[in-house]
Protein backbone atom coordinates (compact mmCIF):
# COMPACT_ATOMS: atom_id res chain seq x y z
CA MET A 1 -96.95 -73.57 89.82
CA LEU A 2 -95.02 -71.66 92.48
CA ASN A 3 -93.65 -68.33 91.22
CA ALA A 4 -90.67 -66.26 92.39
CA VAL A 5 -92.65 -64.51 95.15
CA GLY A 6 -93.98 -67.80 96.50
CA ARG A 7 -97.51 -67.54 95.14
CA GLU A 8 -99.30 -70.54 93.66
CA ILE A 9 -100.36 -69.89 90.07
CA PRO A 10 -102.57 -72.26 88.07
CA GLU A 11 -101.00 -73.64 84.91
CA GLU A 12 -104.11 -72.77 82.94
CA LEU A 13 -107.14 -70.54 83.55
CA ASN A 14 -110.16 -70.31 81.24
CA GLY A 15 -108.17 -71.92 78.43
CA ARG A 16 -105.26 -69.50 78.84
CA LYS A 17 -101.85 -70.93 79.74
CA LEU A 18 -100.19 -68.83 82.43
CA LYS A 19 -96.49 -68.03 82.75
CA PRO A 20 -95.36 -67.65 86.39
CA TYR A 21 -93.37 -64.57 87.42
CA ASN A 22 -89.71 -65.55 87.70
CA GLY A 23 -87.99 -62.24 88.44
CA PRO A 24 -88.30 -58.66 87.16
CA PHE A 25 -86.09 -59.10 84.10
CA SER A 26 -86.25 -62.86 83.53
CA PHE A 27 -88.58 -62.91 80.52
CA ARG A 28 -87.37 -61.75 77.11
CA PRO A 29 -89.95 -61.41 74.33
CA LYS A 30 -89.94 -63.13 70.94
CA GLY A 31 -91.98 -62.50 67.82
CA ARG A 32 -93.19 -59.25 66.32
CA LEU A 33 -95.50 -56.37 67.23
CA HIS A 34 -99.21 -56.91 66.61
CA PRO A 35 -100.17 -55.27 63.29
CA PRO A 36 -103.49 -53.50 62.75
CA PRO A 37 -105.29 -54.20 59.44
CA LEU A 38 -104.32 -52.30 56.29
CA LYS A 39 -106.71 -49.48 55.35
CA ALA A 40 -107.10 -46.63 52.92
CA VAL A 41 -109.12 -43.41 52.98
CA PHE A 42 -109.38 -41.81 49.54
CA PRO A 43 -110.04 -38.16 48.63
CA GLY A 44 -113.60 -37.09 49.30
CA GLU A 45 -114.34 -39.87 51.82
CA THR A 46 -115.52 -38.60 55.19
CA LYS A 47 -114.64 -39.81 58.66
CA LEU A 48 -117.08 -37.54 60.49
CA LEU A 49 -120.20 -39.43 61.58
CA SER A 50 -123.44 -38.25 63.16
CA SER A 51 -123.50 -40.46 66.28
CA ILE A 52 -121.74 -43.06 68.41
CA LYS A 53 -124.29 -45.60 67.17
CA GLU A 54 -123.34 -44.94 63.54
CA ALA A 55 -119.64 -45.23 64.40
CA ILE A 56 -120.20 -48.56 66.18
CA LYS A 57 -122.04 -49.88 63.08
CA LYS A 58 -119.30 -48.64 60.74
CA ALA A 59 -116.60 -50.26 62.90
CA GLY A 60 -118.45 -53.58 62.72
CA LEU A 61 -118.66 -54.18 66.46
CA GLU A 62 -120.27 -57.55 67.18
CA ASN A 63 -120.97 -59.87 70.10
CA GLY A 64 -117.80 -61.10 71.80
CA MET A 65 -115.52 -58.30 70.63
CA THR A 66 -113.16 -56.09 72.71
CA VAL A 67 -113.54 -52.33 73.16
CA SER A 68 -111.04 -50.01 74.84
CA PHE A 69 -111.02 -46.60 76.54
CA HIS A 70 -108.46 -44.35 78.21
CA HIS A 71 -108.99 -42.79 81.65
CA HIS A 72 -107.36 -39.36 81.44
CA LEU A 73 -110.61 -37.77 82.64
CA ARG A 74 -110.57 -40.17 85.62
CA ASN A 75 -113.68 -39.71 87.77
CA GLY A 76 -114.95 -36.99 85.41
CA ASP A 77 -115.25 -39.29 82.37
CA TYR A 78 -118.54 -39.49 80.45
CA VAL A 79 -117.39 -41.47 77.40
CA VAL A 80 -117.28 -45.02 78.80
CA ASN A 81 -120.86 -44.93 80.10
CA MET A 82 -122.07 -43.19 76.94
CA VAL A 83 -120.55 -45.81 74.63
CA VAL A 84 -121.52 -48.88 76.67
CA ASP A 85 -125.10 -47.60 77.02
CA THR A 86 -125.24 -47.33 73.22
CA ILE A 87 -123.77 -50.83 72.78
CA ALA A 88 -126.44 -52.19 75.14
CA LYS A 89 -129.28 -50.41 73.29
CA MET A 90 -128.01 -51.93 70.02
CA GLY A 91 -128.41 -55.41 71.50
CA ILE A 92 -124.69 -56.24 71.39
CA LYS A 93 -123.56 -58.56 74.20
CA ASP A 94 -120.61 -60.54 75.56
CA ILE A 95 -118.27 -57.55 75.22
CA LYS A 96 -114.78 -57.50 76.72
CA LEU A 97 -114.01 -54.09 78.22
CA ALA A 98 -110.34 -53.07 77.98
CA PRO A 99 -110.11 -49.68 79.72
CA THR A 100 -106.85 -48.28 81.06
CA ALA A 101 -108.86 -47.80 84.30
CA LEU A 102 -112.42 -47.52 85.61
CA PHE A 103 -113.55 -45.22 88.43
CA PRO A 104 -116.57 -44.78 90.73
CA VAL A 105 -118.23 -42.69 87.97
CA HIS A 106 -118.50 -45.95 86.01
CA GLU A 107 -120.55 -47.75 88.69
CA LYS A 108 -123.55 -48.03 86.35
CA LEU A 109 -121.53 -50.55 84.29
CA ILE A 110 -122.47 -53.10 86.96
CA GLU A 111 -125.96 -53.23 85.41
CA HIS A 112 -124.38 -54.01 82.04
CA ILE A 113 -122.42 -56.83 83.68
CA LYS A 114 -125.62 -58.23 85.16
CA ASN A 115 -127.46 -58.08 81.82
CA GLY A 116 -124.66 -59.78 79.88
CA VAL A 117 -123.43 -56.83 77.83
CA ILE A 118 -120.04 -56.94 79.60
CA THR A 119 -118.68 -60.42 80.40
CA ALA A 120 -114.94 -59.69 80.71
CA ILE A 121 -112.69 -56.81 81.76
CA GLU A 122 -108.96 -56.38 81.18
CA GLY A 123 -108.10 -53.17 82.99
CA SER A 124 -107.80 -51.49 86.36
CA LEU A 125 -110.83 -51.27 88.66
CA ASN A 126 -111.23 -48.55 91.27
CA GLY A 127 -114.06 -48.56 93.80
CA PRO A 128 -117.56 -50.03 93.26
CA LEU A 129 -116.71 -52.11 90.17
CA GLY A 130 -113.75 -53.71 91.92
CA GLU A 131 -115.89 -54.50 94.95
CA TYR A 132 -118.57 -56.04 92.73
CA VAL A 133 -116.00 -58.27 91.00
CA SER A 134 -114.57 -59.32 94.39
CA ARG A 135 -117.99 -60.48 95.56
CA HIS A 136 -119.49 -61.85 92.33
CA GLY A 137 -116.78 -62.35 89.68
CA LEU A 138 -117.29 -62.22 85.91
CA LYS A 139 -117.57 -64.86 83.20
CA GLU A 140 -113.78 -64.54 82.82
CA PRO A 141 -111.28 -63.41 85.50
CA VAL A 142 -110.35 -59.71 85.30
CA VAL A 143 -106.77 -59.14 84.10
CA LEU A 144 -104.92 -56.42 86.00
CA ARG A 145 -101.87 -54.83 84.39
CA SER A 146 -99.57 -51.91 85.07
CA HIS A 147 -99.60 -48.94 82.71
CA GLY A 148 -96.46 -50.18 80.97
CA GLY A 149 -97.70 -53.76 81.06
CA ARG A 150 -100.94 -52.79 79.35
CA ALA A 151 -99.08 -50.94 76.58
CA ARG A 152 -96.91 -54.05 76.13
CA ALA A 153 -99.98 -56.31 75.97
CA VAL A 154 -101.66 -54.15 73.30
CA ARG A 155 -98.49 -53.93 71.20
CA SER A 156 -97.77 -57.66 71.44
CA GLY A 157 -101.33 -58.74 70.68
CA ASP A 158 -101.87 -60.27 74.13
CA LEU A 159 -104.70 -57.73 74.39
CA HIS A 160 -106.32 -57.49 70.97
CA ILE A 161 -108.61 -54.46 70.62
CA ASP A 162 -111.37 -54.54 68.02
CA VAL A 163 -112.59 -50.98 68.58
CA ALA A 164 -110.78 -48.22 70.52
CA PHE A 165 -112.84 -45.24 71.66
CA ILE A 166 -110.56 -42.25 72.23
CA ALA A 167 -111.89 -39.18 74.05
CA ALA A 168 -110.35 -35.93 72.82
CA SER A 169 -110.95 -32.39 74.04
CA MET A 170 -110.16 -31.07 70.56
CA ALA A 171 -110.27 -32.78 67.17
CA ASP A 172 -110.80 -32.09 63.48
CA GLU A 173 -113.03 -34.06 61.10
CA TYR A 174 -110.03 -36.06 59.83
CA GLY A 175 -109.07 -37.36 63.28
CA ASN A 176 -106.14 -35.20 64.40
CA CYS A 177 -106.73 -34.61 68.10
CA ASN A 178 -105.36 -33.70 71.52
CA GLY A 179 -106.41 -33.45 75.15
CA MET A 180 -104.70 -30.13 75.83
CA LEU A 181 -107.24 -27.60 74.54
CA GLY A 182 -110.99 -27.04 74.77
CA LYS A 183 -113.63 -26.88 77.48
CA SER A 184 -112.93 -30.49 78.55
CA ALA A 185 -109.12 -30.31 78.36
CA PHE A 186 -107.51 -33.05 80.43
CA GLY A 187 -103.87 -32.81 79.34
CA ALA A 188 -101.63 -35.59 78.06
CA MET A 189 -103.09 -38.53 76.11
CA GLY A 190 -100.35 -41.02 76.95
CA PHE A 191 -102.64 -44.03 77.40
CA ALA A 192 -104.32 -43.63 74.01
CA TYR A 193 -101.21 -44.05 71.84
CA ALA A 194 -100.94 -47.85 71.98
CA ASP A 195 -104.66 -48.29 71.30
CA ALA A 196 -104.58 -45.85 68.37
CA MET A 197 -101.62 -47.61 66.77
CA HIS A 198 -102.71 -51.23 67.26
CA ALA A 199 -106.53 -51.43 67.47
CA ASP A 200 -108.44 -52.73 64.44
CA ASN A 201 -110.71 -49.67 64.49
CA VAL A 202 -110.23 -46.26 66.14
CA ILE A 203 -113.08 -43.86 66.92
CA VAL A 204 -112.29 -40.36 68.25
CA ILE A 205 -115.07 -38.83 70.37
CA THR A 206 -114.85 -35.08 70.95
CA ASP A 207 -116.95 -32.19 72.23
CA ASN A 208 -114.82 -29.62 70.42
CA LEU A 209 -114.66 -30.05 66.65
CA GLN A 210 -112.34 -27.53 65.01
CA PRO A 211 -111.25 -26.80 61.41
CA TYR A 212 -108.55 -29.00 59.87
CA PRO A 213 -105.74 -29.29 60.85
CA VAL A 214 -106.00 -29.29 64.64
CA THR A 215 -102.68 -28.76 66.43
CA PRO A 216 -100.89 -29.77 68.56
CA ILE A 217 -101.43 -33.29 67.27
CA SER A 218 -101.31 -35.99 69.94
CA ILE A 219 -103.06 -38.76 68.00
CA PRO A 220 -102.69 -38.15 64.23
CA GLN A 221 -105.24 -38.75 61.48
CA ILE A 222 -103.32 -41.74 60.09
CA TYR A 223 -104.57 -43.93 62.96
CA VAL A 224 -108.18 -42.69 63.14
CA ASP A 225 -111.09 -44.34 61.30
CA TYR A 226 -114.02 -42.22 62.46
CA VAL A 227 -114.81 -39.02 64.37
CA VAL A 228 -117.96 -38.31 66.39
CA GLU A 229 -118.90 -35.01 68.03
CA VAL A 230 -120.90 -35.18 71.29
CA GLU A 231 -122.16 -32.57 73.72
CA SER A 232 -119.58 -33.38 76.41
CA ILE A 233 -116.82 -35.95 76.94
CA GLY A 234 -116.60 -35.25 80.67
CA ASP A 235 -115.88 -32.94 83.57
CA PRO A 236 -112.14 -32.11 83.89
CA SER A 237 -112.56 -31.25 87.57
CA GLY A 238 -112.96 -35.01 88.13
CA ILE A 239 -109.29 -35.52 87.22
CA GLN A 240 -108.20 -34.51 90.71
CA THR A 241 -109.72 -37.27 92.84
CA GLY A 242 -109.27 -37.70 96.60
CA THR A 243 -105.90 -39.43 96.26
CA MET A 244 -104.55 -36.40 94.40
CA ARG A 245 -104.56 -34.02 97.38
CA ILE A 246 -101.50 -33.43 99.54
CA THR A 247 -101.74 -34.93 103.02
CA ARG A 248 -102.43 -32.63 105.98
CA SER A 249 -101.54 -35.20 108.61
CA PRO A 250 -98.44 -34.11 110.63
CA ALA A 251 -97.30 -37.74 110.89
CA ARG A 252 -97.61 -38.30 107.15
CA LEU A 253 -95.94 -34.99 106.33
CA ASN A 254 -93.07 -36.20 108.49
CA ILE A 255 -92.89 -39.38 106.38
CA ALA A 256 -92.49 -37.17 103.30
CA LYS A 257 -89.72 -35.12 104.94
CA ASN A 258 -87.88 -38.32 105.88
CA VAL A 259 -87.98 -39.52 102.27
CA VAL A 260 -86.15 -36.36 101.16
CA LYS A 261 -83.74 -36.68 104.09
CA PHE A 262 -83.01 -40.30 103.13
CA LEU A 263 -82.38 -39.48 99.47
CA ALA A 264 -80.13 -36.55 100.42
CA THR A 265 -78.19 -38.57 103.02
CA ALA A 266 -77.67 -41.43 100.56
CA GLY A 267 -76.22 -38.94 98.04
CA ILE A 268 -78.93 -39.51 95.46
CA ILE A 269 -80.20 -35.92 95.12
CA LYS A 270 -77.67 -34.13 92.94
CA ASP A 271 -77.49 -32.34 89.59
CA GLY A 272 -79.11 -34.53 86.92
CA PHE A 273 -81.49 -36.14 89.42
CA SER A 274 -84.68 -37.64 87.95
CA PHE A 275 -87.70 -39.11 89.70
CA GLN A 276 -91.30 -40.24 89.57
CA ALA A 277 -93.90 -39.48 92.23
CA GLY A 278 -96.94 -41.58 93.04
CA ALA A 279 -100.51 -40.30 93.26
CA GLY A 280 -101.04 -40.46 97.02
CA GLY A 281 -101.10 -37.55 99.47
CA ILE A 282 -97.74 -38.50 100.96
CA SER A 283 -96.07 -38.77 97.56
CA LEU A 284 -97.34 -35.30 96.64
CA ALA A 285 -95.84 -33.95 99.86
CA VAL A 286 -92.50 -35.58 98.96
CA THR A 287 -92.53 -33.68 95.66
CA LYS A 288 -93.17 -30.41 97.48
CA PHE A 289 -90.37 -30.96 100.01
CA LEU A 290 -87.98 -32.22 97.33
CA HIS A 291 -88.57 -29.01 95.39
CA GLU A 292 -87.77 -26.94 98.47
CA TYR A 293 -84.58 -28.92 99.17
CA MET A 294 -83.32 -28.71 95.57
CA LYS A 295 -84.07 -24.98 95.31
CA LYS A 296 -82.32 -24.25 98.61
CA ASN A 297 -79.22 -26.21 97.58
CA GLY A 298 -79.06 -25.06 93.95
CA ILE A 299 -79.63 -28.56 92.55
CA VAL A 300 -81.07 -28.93 89.05
CA GLY A 301 -82.65 -32.23 88.04
CA ASP A 302 -82.99 -33.55 84.51
CA PHE A 303 -86.66 -34.63 84.47
CA VAL A 304 -89.76 -35.75 86.32
CA MET A 305 -91.95 -38.53 84.93
CA GLY A 306 -95.35 -39.79 86.00
CA GLY A 307 -98.75 -38.38 86.73
CA ILE A 308 -97.98 -34.66 86.66
CA THR A 309 -99.35 -32.11 89.14
CA GLY A 310 -98.96 -28.41 89.87
CA PHE A 311 -96.21 -29.30 92.37
CA VAL A 312 -94.09 -30.62 89.49
CA VAL A 313 -94.98 -27.60 87.34
CA ASP A 314 -93.62 -25.36 90.12
CA MET A 315 -90.30 -27.24 89.92
CA LEU A 316 -90.07 -26.67 86.16
CA ARG A 317 -90.88 -22.96 86.44
CA ASP A 318 -88.46 -22.50 89.35
CA GLY A 319 -85.67 -24.18 87.39
CA THR A 320 -85.14 -27.11 89.78
CA ILE A 321 -85.88 -29.52 86.90
CA LYS A 322 -85.28 -29.14 83.17
CA LYS A 323 -88.09 -31.25 81.70
CA ILE A 324 -91.46 -32.78 82.53
CA LEU A 325 -92.33 -35.99 80.68
CA ASP A 326 -96.12 -36.22 80.93
CA GLY A 327 -98.17 -39.31 80.15
CA GLN A 328 -101.07 -38.28 82.39
CA SER A 329 -101.93 -34.88 83.83
CA PHE A 330 -103.27 -35.14 87.38
CA ASP A 331 -104.63 -31.64 87.95
CA LEU A 332 -105.72 -28.60 85.96
CA ARG A 333 -102.47 -26.70 86.60
CA ALA A 334 -100.62 -29.51 84.84
CA VAL A 335 -103.10 -29.36 81.94
CA GLU A 336 -102.51 -25.63 81.54
CA SER A 337 -98.72 -26.03 81.77
CA LEU A 338 -98.66 -28.57 78.95
CA THR A 339 -99.82 -25.87 76.53
CA LYS A 340 -97.58 -23.08 77.86
CA ASP A 341 -94.28 -24.46 79.19
CA GLU A 342 -91.72 -25.45 76.57
CA GLY A 343 -90.09 -28.01 78.85
CA HIS A 344 -93.38 -29.82 79.51
CA VAL A 345 -93.63 -32.64 76.96
CA GLU A 346 -96.33 -35.22 76.26
CA VAL A 347 -95.19 -38.88 76.06
CA SER A 348 -96.98 -42.20 75.57
CA HIS A 349 -97.23 -44.99 78.11
CA ILE A 350 -95.29 -47.12 75.65
CA MET A 351 -92.40 -44.74 76.17
CA PHE A 352 -93.13 -44.49 79.89
CA GLY A 353 -93.00 -48.13 80.89
CA ASP A 354 -93.32 -50.79 78.18
CA PRO A 355 -90.57 -53.26 79.17
CA HIS A 356 -90.52 -54.80 75.70
CA SER A 357 -89.51 -51.65 73.85
CA CYS A 358 -86.08 -50.28 73.00
CA GLY A 359 -85.87 -48.65 76.43
CA CYS A 360 -88.57 -46.95 78.50
CA VAL A 361 -88.36 -43.76 80.59
CA VAL A 362 -88.53 -45.57 83.94
CA ASN A 363 -85.12 -47.09 83.16
CA ARG A 364 -83.64 -43.60 83.46
CA GLN A 365 -85.18 -42.67 86.82
CA HIS A 366 -82.97 -42.31 89.87
CA ALA A 367 -85.84 -42.62 92.34
CA CYS A 368 -89.56 -43.12 92.74
CA PHE A 369 -91.75 -42.79 95.83
CA LEU A 370 -94.98 -44.74 95.80
CA GLY A 371 -97.87 -45.66 98.08
CA ALA A 372 -99.28 -49.04 99.11
CA THR A 373 -102.21 -50.67 100.88
CA GLU A 374 -99.87 -53.29 102.43
CA VAL A 375 -96.17 -54.22 102.58
CA ASP A 376 -94.91 -57.54 103.92
CA LEU A 377 -91.75 -58.77 105.65
CA GLU A 378 -90.23 -59.75 102.29
CA PHE A 379 -90.87 -56.22 100.89
CA ASN A 380 -93.65 -57.36 98.55
CA VAL A 381 -96.20 -54.58 97.98
CA ASN A 382 -99.98 -54.69 97.59
CA VAL A 383 -101.80 -51.84 95.85
CA ASN A 384 -104.79 -53.77 94.46
CA THR A 385 -106.70 -55.13 97.43
CA HIS A 386 -107.35 -54.01 100.98
CA SER A 387 -106.76 -56.28 103.94
CA ASP A 388 -110.39 -57.40 103.70
CA GLY A 389 -109.58 -58.88 100.29
CA LEU A 390 -111.72 -56.45 98.27
CA LEU A 391 -110.31 -55.40 94.90
CA LEU A 392 -110.53 -51.60 95.07
CA HIS A 393 -107.51 -50.23 93.14
CA GLY A 394 -105.52 -50.68 89.95
CA ILE A 395 -101.76 -51.17 89.65
CA GLY A 396 -101.11 -47.90 87.81
CA GLY A 397 -97.44 -47.30 87.04
CA HIS A 398 -96.32 -48.88 90.33
CA GLN A 399 -94.60 -51.97 88.89
CA ASP A 400 -92.99 -49.99 86.08
CA ALA A 401 -91.51 -47.24 88.25
CA ALA A 402 -90.28 -49.76 90.83
CA ALA A 403 -88.58 -51.92 88.21
CA GLY A 404 -86.79 -49.11 86.39
CA SER A 405 -85.82 -46.68 89.16
CA ASP A 406 -82.46 -46.95 90.92
CA VAL A 407 -84.21 -46.54 94.29
CA THR A 408 -87.85 -47.42 94.98
CA ILE A 409 -89.30 -45.96 98.18
CA ILE A 410 -92.68 -46.97 99.59
CA THR A 411 -94.31 -44.29 101.76
CA ILE A 412 -96.93 -45.61 104.21
CA PRO A 413 -98.29 -45.00 107.71
CA LEU A 414 -97.74 -47.94 110.06
CA LEU A 415 -101.51 -48.08 110.68
CA ARG A 416 -104.62 -46.99 108.80
CA GLY A 417 -107.20 -46.64 111.51
CA ARG A 418 -106.95 -49.94 113.38
CA VAL A 419 -105.48 -51.82 110.42
CA PRO A 420 -101.70 -52.50 110.22
CA VAL A 421 -100.08 -51.74 106.87
CA ILE A 422 -96.95 -53.84 107.53
CA ARG A 423 -98.11 -57.45 107.29
CA LYS A 424 -96.47 -60.83 107.67
CA GLU A 425 -97.72 -61.57 104.17
CA VAL A 426 -99.56 -59.19 101.84
CA THR A 427 -103.07 -60.13 100.75
CA THR A 428 -102.11 -59.63 97.10
CA VAL A 429 -98.67 -59.20 95.49
CA SER A 430 -98.90 -56.23 93.10
CA THR A 431 -95.22 -55.22 92.98
CA PRO A 432 -92.58 -57.84 93.83
CA CYS A 433 -89.98 -57.56 96.59
CA HIS A 434 -87.16 -57.72 94.02
CA THR A 435 -87.86 -54.13 92.94
CA VAL A 436 -88.69 -52.51 96.31
CA ASP A 437 -85.80 -50.94 98.23
CA VAL A 438 -86.96 -48.75 101.12
CA VAL A 439 -90.10 -48.50 103.27
CA VAL A 440 -90.61 -45.18 105.08
CA THR A 441 -93.27 -45.11 107.82
CA ASP A 442 -94.20 -42.75 110.65
CA ARG A 443 -92.54 -45.22 113.05
CA GLY A 444 -89.25 -45.83 111.24
CA ILE A 445 -87.42 -46.56 107.99
CA ALA A 446 -86.59 -50.07 106.78
CA ILE A 447 -84.23 -50.97 103.91
CA ASN A 448 -84.45 -54.17 101.88
CA PRO A 449 -81.44 -56.30 103.03
CA GLU A 450 -80.62 -56.88 99.35
CA ARG A 451 -79.65 -53.18 99.07
CA GLU A 452 -76.41 -53.29 101.03
CA ASP A 453 -75.24 -50.18 99.16
CA LEU A 454 -78.11 -48.10 100.55
CA ILE A 455 -77.62 -49.49 104.07
CA GLU A 456 -73.94 -48.55 103.92
CA ALA A 457 -74.68 -45.08 102.47
CA VAL A 458 -76.83 -43.99 105.45
CA LYS A 459 -75.13 -46.02 108.17
CA GLY A 460 -74.51 -43.88 111.27
CA LYS A 461 -76.31 -40.93 109.64
CA MET A 462 -79.94 -42.03 109.91
CA GLU A 463 -81.71 -44.49 112.16
CA ILE A 464 -82.74 -47.59 110.23
CA VAL A 465 -84.88 -50.39 111.65
CA ASP A 466 -85.54 -53.94 110.54
CA ILE A 467 -88.92 -54.35 108.84
CA GLU A 468 -89.68 -57.07 111.40
CA GLU A 469 -89.53 -54.38 114.10
CA LEU A 470 -92.15 -52.32 112.27
CA TYR A 471 -94.35 -55.39 111.97
CA LYS A 472 -94.04 -56.17 115.68
CA LYS A 473 -94.76 -52.54 116.58
CA ALA A 474 -97.96 -52.54 114.53
CA LYS A 475 -98.98 -55.86 116.03
CA SER A 476 -98.42 -54.57 119.58
CA LEU A 477 -100.66 -51.56 118.87
CA VAL A 478 -103.65 -53.23 117.19
CA GLY A 479 -103.01 -56.97 117.21
CA GLU A 480 -103.04 -59.36 114.27
CA PRO A 481 -106.12 -58.77 112.10
CA LYS A 482 -108.16 -61.73 110.96
CA PRO A 483 -107.31 -62.77 107.40
CA PRO A 484 -110.06 -62.35 104.80
CA LYS A 485 -112.08 -65.40 103.80
CA PHE A 486 -111.87 -66.37 100.16
CA ASP A 487 -113.78 -68.73 97.91
CA LYS A 488 -111.89 -71.02 95.52
CA GLU A 489 -113.03 -69.07 92.47
CA ILE A 490 -110.38 -66.82 90.91
CA VAL A 491 -111.89 -63.44 89.99
CA ALA A 492 -108.74 -61.62 88.85
CA ILE A 493 -105.19 -62.21 87.64
CA VAL A 494 -102.38 -59.84 88.62
CA GLU A 495 -99.91 -59.76 85.75
CA TYR A 496 -96.38 -58.51 86.04
CA ARG A 497 -95.43 -55.89 83.47
CA ASP A 498 -93.79 -58.53 81.22
CA GLY A 499 -96.96 -60.67 80.98
CA THR A 500 -95.98 -63.29 83.57
CA VAL A 501 -98.31 -63.82 86.54
CA LEU A 502 -97.56 -62.43 90.00
CA ASP A 503 -100.72 -63.44 91.83
CA VAL A 504 -104.39 -64.31 91.60
CA ILE A 505 -107.30 -62.73 93.48
CA ARG A 506 -110.11 -64.97 94.72
CA LYS A 507 -113.75 -64.23 95.36
CA VAL A 508 -114.44 -62.83 98.82
CA LYS A 509 -116.85 -64.98 100.83
CA GLU A 510 -120.02 -63.19 101.84
């Protein structure tokens, strides 16, 4: 099947019938939300167990089942490795892993793939695990989803979770918990909401057990089956990974300044403005410069959504925005703010970006500025693979923000080293051209021809180039790189946020 971005999609893969992507809002859902089983906890019954092993036994985890995790601790997480090690020691195999994301800290899971404990993954892969899958594959193709797309899949039953393991930096013995307080505080627990509400069994793992009732309550007791206390759930300093540091490159700082200039020239930055920033160094710089522009001009925005950093906290405290909607805290200043600033509110990723809800936050955003590994002449964006074909990143909230925001801006350098970022055709389509509006590089700004309103708004005020010119410029500087060599085997499926299929990723030839 040929989908709406021109990619060939198999009709069926591993017994699963695939629906091709046909446009960002072309698929309307039918049916009902996936219900978890009915349960009852009576007076005197305890949820507090002595170990992860005991909790796994109580939850009835068996060969072939699906377990889930959330990644708010990012590269500082201990829980995934701890739980999977225990599953392996118990002799349980053929497990499907359904994390919201995996990071380099989870590299040891490769051994559990090799020994048959893990045979499938539905979740984002960052770093060594993604590279392993690109070169070797799994028993089943990995399914990659956006943050909103994953919440949708869990709620619809497309991703059925048998046991959800939820890390919490504070919890009581009845299951009320949060990620805001305690020695391992990581902030918002937005990813965990869907799993807590729809998994068959929910196990809270904490290193900070406190008397009942723990408040604030992020995940309430009514969704929690068991509670286990461990020595440590992780290192919060691992939240701020390399991509979460503002760029120091003069050229890339200039890209960020041009994003603010474009939004201001187009008349988009005004009272009531709302936006979402990506996680890259350029996007962080945009937030900083946007704050400075709004403060200087007395502009007050309504809200900021997305992975929240200290740069966004500064905006709230300076009065340039009224609210922060936080599904994931990206540094320790954001974690601290969540407990102290009244206008800083925790939200779920259902609310953030599930397209099959009664309206998600991204639908209310005026702008978003996001990164990319590649952009092509049609304005399709790749964030999953590099130009060598290796699967090294997840989708994150990229698709969701792009689909909902009035203006989607991609911030990229023209070259990374000797590799062009503007390509004739992207290696993998992660976010479709239909939801991408502007590409800002260090060598010029291009606007999607479909956005005639934006072209007209900045006409004669800013220099705009055709994306073909950017492509030719990159080609003249470094030439046309050799395309990666792929095997026929499909190792991953890139879903669009509505469950249709955007692209497939094939095994890289050695």
